[in-house]
């Protein structure tokens, strides 16, 4: 997923969860990794700060989590939140498209003819042979 922090875009692979990262979260934040995941889902601003710390950490930036939590290193929360929302909307659209694939254009009017009578058949010839 792409997230925006401080006007910059970052790739963050949500599926990738190295053990070393989980332990780093626990050591830096002082709480269990599972709590962080739960708090992030619940919308905690502090958990979002930990998320930013992880994004920057994966990008090779050495920023202390304490500096983010204290506000010494700051970013626009709304920008980050909006970029995450955009990802969620894109995923929803993709899921809907996968669940309801289009089957081609449907003609709003009924076609001429019937299954046994071609559309090009003249009206005078449309009598049944039986």
C-alpha atoms as a PDB file:
ATOM      1  CA  UNK A   1       0.000   0.000   0.000  1.00  0.00           C
ATOM      2  CA  UNK A   2       1.105   3.568  -0.621  1.00  0.00           C
ATOM      3  CA  UNK A   3       0.882   6.022   2.264  1.00  0.00           C
ATOM      4  CA  UNK A   4       1.666   9.722   2.390  1.00  0.00           C
ATOM      5  CA  UNK A   5       3.581  11.147   5.318  1.00  0.00           C
ATOM      6  CA  UNK A   6       4.828  14.712   5.310  1.00  0.00           C
ATOM      7  CA  UNK A   7       4.173  15.119   1.590  1.00  0.00           C
ATOM      8  CA  UNK A   8       6.170  11.988   0.693  1.00  0.00           C
ATOM      9  CA  UNK A   9       4.799   8.688  -0.584  1.00  0.00           C
ATOM     10  CA  UNK A  10       5.988   5.427   0.912  1.00  0.00           C
ATOM     11  CA  UNK A  11       5.323   1.823  -0.032  1.00  0.00           C
ATOM     12  CA  UNK A  12       4.331  -0.345   2.903  1.00  0.00           C
ATOM     13  CA  UNK A  13       3.790  -4.065   2.414  1.00  0.00           C
ATOM     14  CA  UNK A  14       1.119  -4.900   4.973  1.00  0.00           C
ATOM     15  CA  UNK A  15       1.454  -8.631   4.374  1.00  0.00           C
ATOM     16  CA  UNK A  16       5.083  -8.575   5.511  1.00  0.00           C
ATOM     17  CA  UNK A  17       5.390  -8.875   9.296  1.00  0.00           C
ATOM     18  CA  UNK A  18       8.921  -9.819  10.320  1.00  0.00           C
ATOM     19  CA  UNK A  19       9.367 -11.034  13.902  1.00  0.00           C
ATOM     20  CA  UNK A  20      12.171  -8.507  14.365  1.00  0.00           C
ATOM     21  CA  UNK A  21       9.706  -5.722  13.579  1.00  0.00           C
ATOM     22  CA  UNK A  22       7.134  -7.027  16.058  1.00  0.00           C
ATOM     23  CA  UNK A  23       9.788  -7.150  18.760  1.00  0.00           C
ATOM     24  CA  UNK A  24      11.007  -3.655  17.808  1.00  0.00           C
ATOM     25  CA  UNK A  25       7.432  -2.337  18.216  1.00  0.00           C
ATOM     26  CA  UNK A  26       7.149  -3.949  21.645  1.00  0.00           C
ATOM     27  CA  UNK A  27      10.505  -2.567  22.781  1.00  0.00           C
ATOM     28  CA  UNK A  28      10.002   0.944  21.428  1.00  0.00           C
ATOM     29  CA  UNK A  29       6.319   1.307  22.382  1.00  0.00           C
ATOM     30  CA  UNK A  30       6.450  -0.717  25.602  1.00  0.00           C
ATOM     31  CA  UNK A  31       3.271  -2.638  24.777  1.00  0.00           C
ATOM     32  CA  UNK A  32       2.456  -5.922  23.082  1.00  0.00           C
ATOM     33  CA  UNK A  33       2.501  -6.086  19.281  1.00  0.00           C
ATOM     34  CA  UNK A  34      -1.013  -7.535  19.291  1.00  0.00           C
ATOM     35  CA  UNK A  35      -2.156  -4.471  21.250  1.00  0.00           C
ATOM     36  CA  UNK A  36      -0.655  -2.237  18.594  1.00  0.00           C
ATOM     37  CA  UNK A  37      -2.516  -4.058  15.822  1.00  0.00           C
ATOM     38  CA  UNK A  38      -5.756  -3.860  17.792  1.00  0.00           C
ATOM     39  CA  UNK A  39      -5.282  -0.182  18.647  1.00  0.00           C
ATOM     40  CA  UNK A  40      -4.448   0.632  15.034  1.00  0.00           C
ATOM     41  CA  UNK A  41      -7.697  -0.997  13.881  1.00  0.00           C
ATOM     42  CA  UNK A  42      -9.574   0.949  16.565  1.00  0.00           C
ATOM     43  CA  UNK A  43      -8.198   4.257  15.257  1.00  0.00           C
ATOM     44  CA  UNK A  44      -5.726   5.117  18.003  1.00  0.00           C
ATOM     45  CA  UNK A  45      -3.573   8.147  17.150  1.00  0.00           C
ATOM     46  CA  UNK A  46      -0.712   6.700  19.183  1.00  0.00           C
ATOM     47  CA  UNK A  47      -0.898   3.428  17.247  1.00  0.00           C
ATOM     48  CA  UNK A  48      -0.865   5.483  14.029  1.00  0.00           C
ATOM     49  CA  UNK A  49       2.345   7.136  15.256  1.00  0.00           C
ATOM     50  CA  UNK A  50       3.836   3.653  15.701  1.00  0.00           C
ATOM     51  CA  UNK A  51       2.703   2.829  12.166  1.00  0.00           C
ATOM     52  CA  UNK A  52       4.522   5.905  10.820  1.00  0.00           C
ATOM     53  CA  UNK A  53       7.599   4.874  12.794  1.00  0.00           C
ATOM     54  CA  UNK A  54       7.429   1.432  11.104  1.00  0.00           C
ATOM     55  CA  UNK A  55       6.983   2.963   7.648  1.00  0.00           C
ATOM     56  CA  UNK A  56       9.997   5.213   8.161  1.00  0.00           C
ATOM     57  CA  UNK A  57      11.994   2.369   9.720  1.00  0.00           C
ATOM     58  CA  UNK A  58      11.387   0.181   6.670  1.00  0.00           C
ATOM     59  CA  UNK A  59      12.471   3.097   4.508  1.00  0.00           C
ATOM     60  CA  UNK A  60      15.788   3.202   6.391  1.00  0.00           C
ATOM     61  CA  UNK A  61      15.070   6.377   8.366  1.00  0.00           C
ATOM     62  CA  UNK A  62      16.312   6.477  11.901  1.00  0.00           C
ATOM     63  CA  UNK A  63      13.617   8.328  13.803  1.00  0.00           C
ATOM     64  CA  UNK A  64      12.980   7.558  17.452  1.00  0.00           C
ATOM     65  CA  UNK A  65       9.419   6.536  18.245  1.00  0.00           C
ATOM     66  CA  UNK A  66       9.589   8.705  21.370  1.00  0.00           C
ATOM     67  CA  UNK A  67      10.260  11.739  19.138  1.00  0.00           C
ATOM     68  CA  UNK A  68       7.136  11.006  17.103  1.00  0.00           C
ATOM     69  CA  UNK A  69       5.014  10.382  20.210  1.00  0.00           C
ATOM     70  CA  UNK A  70       6.233  13.607  21.838  1.00  0.00           C
ATOM     71  CA  UNK A  71       5.524  15.664  18.716  1.00  0.00           C
ATOM     72  CA  UNK A  72       9.178  16.606  18.228  1.00  0.00           C
ATOM     73  CA  UNK A  73       8.983  14.853  14.854  1.00  0.00           C
ATOM     74  CA  UNK A  74       5.572  15.766  13.484  1.00  0.00           C
ATOM     75  CA  UNK A  75       3.493  15.085  10.380  1.00  0.00           C
ATOM     76  CA  UNK A  76       0.007  15.849   9.113  1.00  0.00           C
ATOM     77  CA  UNK A  77      -2.257  13.188  10.574  1.00  0.00           C
ATOM     78  CA  UNK A  78      -5.061  14.028   8.151  1.00  0.00           C
ATOM     79  CA  UNK A  79      -2.795  13.505   5.121  1.00  0.00           C
ATOM     80  CA  UNK A  80      -1.797  10.064   6.410  1.00  0.00           C
ATOM     81  CA  UNK A  81      -5.370   9.156   7.263  1.00  0.00           C
ATOM     82  CA  UNK A  82      -6.583  10.257   3.822  1.00  0.00           C
ATOM     83  CA  UNK A  83      -3.945   8.162   2.032  1.00  0.00           C
ATOM     84  CA  UNK A  84      -4.947   5.092   4.050  1.00  0.00           C
ATOM     85  CA  UNK A  85      -8.617   5.766   3.288  1.00  0.00           C
ATOM     86  CA  UNK A  86      -7.816   5.976  -0.437  1.00  0.00           C
ATOM     87  CA  UNK A  87      -6.181   2.556  -0.249  1.00  0.00           C
ATOM     88  CA  UNK A  88      -9.260   1.155   1.507  1.00  0.00           C
ATOM     89  CA  UNK A  89     -11.574   2.606  -1.157  1.00  0.00           C
ATOM     90  CA  UNK A  90      -9.425   1.145  -3.958  1.00  0.00           C
ATOM     91  CA  UNK A  91      -9.517  -2.267  -2.276  1.00  0.00           C
ATOM     92  CA  UNK A  92     -13.286  -2.068  -1.869  1.00  0.00           C
ATOM     93  CA  UNK A  93     -13.739  -1.220  -5.546  1.00  0.00           C
ATOM     94  CA  UNK A  94     -11.467  -4.097  -6.552  1.00  0.00           C
ATOM     95  CA  UNK A  95     -13.394  -6.510  -4.327  1.00  0.00           C
ATOM     96  CA  UNK A  96     -16.711  -5.353  -5.785  1.00  0.00           C
ATOM     97  CA  UNK A  97     -15.388  -5.673  -9.335  1.00  0.00           C
ATOM     98  CA  UNK A  98     -14.169  -9.191  -8.578  1.00  0.00           C
ATOM     99  CA  UNK A  99     -17.489 -10.158  -7.016  1.00  0.00           C
ATOM    100  CA  UNK A 100     -19.558  -8.655  -9.858  1.00  0.00           C
ATOM    101  CA  UNK A 101     -17.582  -8.896 -13.103  1.00  0.00           C
ATOM    102  CA  UNK A 102     -19.184  -7.154 -16.049  1.00  0.00           C
ATOM    103  CA  UNK A 103     -20.483  -9.477 -18.709  1.00  0.00           C
ATOM    104  CA  UNK A 104     -20.377  -6.984 -21.537  1.00  0.00           C
ATOM    105  CA  UNK A 105     -22.784  -4.276 -22.551  1.00  0.00           C
ATOM    106  CA  UNK A 106     -26.470  -5.078 -22.295  1.00  0.00           C
ATOM    107  CA  UNK A 107     -28.768  -3.595 -24.922  1.00  0.00           C
ATOM    108  CA  UNK A 108     -31.554  -1.556 -23.320  1.00  0.00           C
ATOM    109  CA  UNK A 109     -34.036  -2.535 -26.090  1.00  0.00           C
ATOM    110  CA  UNK A 110     -35.162  -6.023 -26.962  1.00  0.00           C
ATOM    111  CA  UNK A 111     -33.486  -7.333 -30.125  1.00  0.00           C
ATOM    112  CA  UNK A 112     -35.480  -7.867 -33.314  1.00  0.00           C
ATOM    113  CA  UNK A 113     -36.530 -11.393 -34.071  1.00  0.00           C
ATOM    114  CA  UNK A 114     -36.816 -14.397 -31.801  1.00  0.00           C
ATOM    115  CA  UNK A 115     -34.513 -17.301 -31.190  1.00  0.00           C
ATOM    116  CA  UNK A 116     -36.013 -19.077 -34.199  1.00  0.00           C
ATOM    117  CA  UNK A 117     -36.669 -16.078 -36.447  1.00  0.00           C
ATOM    118  CA  UNK A 118     -33.636 -14.030 -37.553  1.00  0.00           C
ATOM    119  CA  UNK A 119     -33.904 -10.246 -37.267  1.00  0.00           C
ATOM    120  CA  UNK A 120     -33.392  -9.829 -41.050  1.00  0.00           C
ATOM    121  CA  UNK A 121     -36.424 -11.938 -41.982  1.00  0.00           C
ATOM    122  CA  UNK A 122     -39.114  -9.896 -43.765  1.00  0.00           C
ATOM    123  CA  UNK A 123     -42.425  -9.556 -41.974  1.00  0.00           C
ATOM    124  CA  UNK A 124     -44.337 -11.368 -44.751  1.00  0.00           C
ATOM    125  CA  UNK A 125     -42.091 -14.428 -44.263  1.00  0.00           C
ATOM    126  CA  UNK A 126     -42.556 -14.678 -40.520  1.00  0.00           C
ATOM    127  CA  UNK A 127     -45.486 -17.084 -40.648  1.00  0.00           C
ATOM    128  CA  UNK A 128     -45.041 -20.377 -38.966  1.00  0.00           C
ATOM    129  CA  UNK A 129     -44.475 -23.371 -41.223  1.00  0.00           C
ATOM    130  CA  UNK A 130     -46.753 -25.498 -39.054  1.00  0.00           C
END
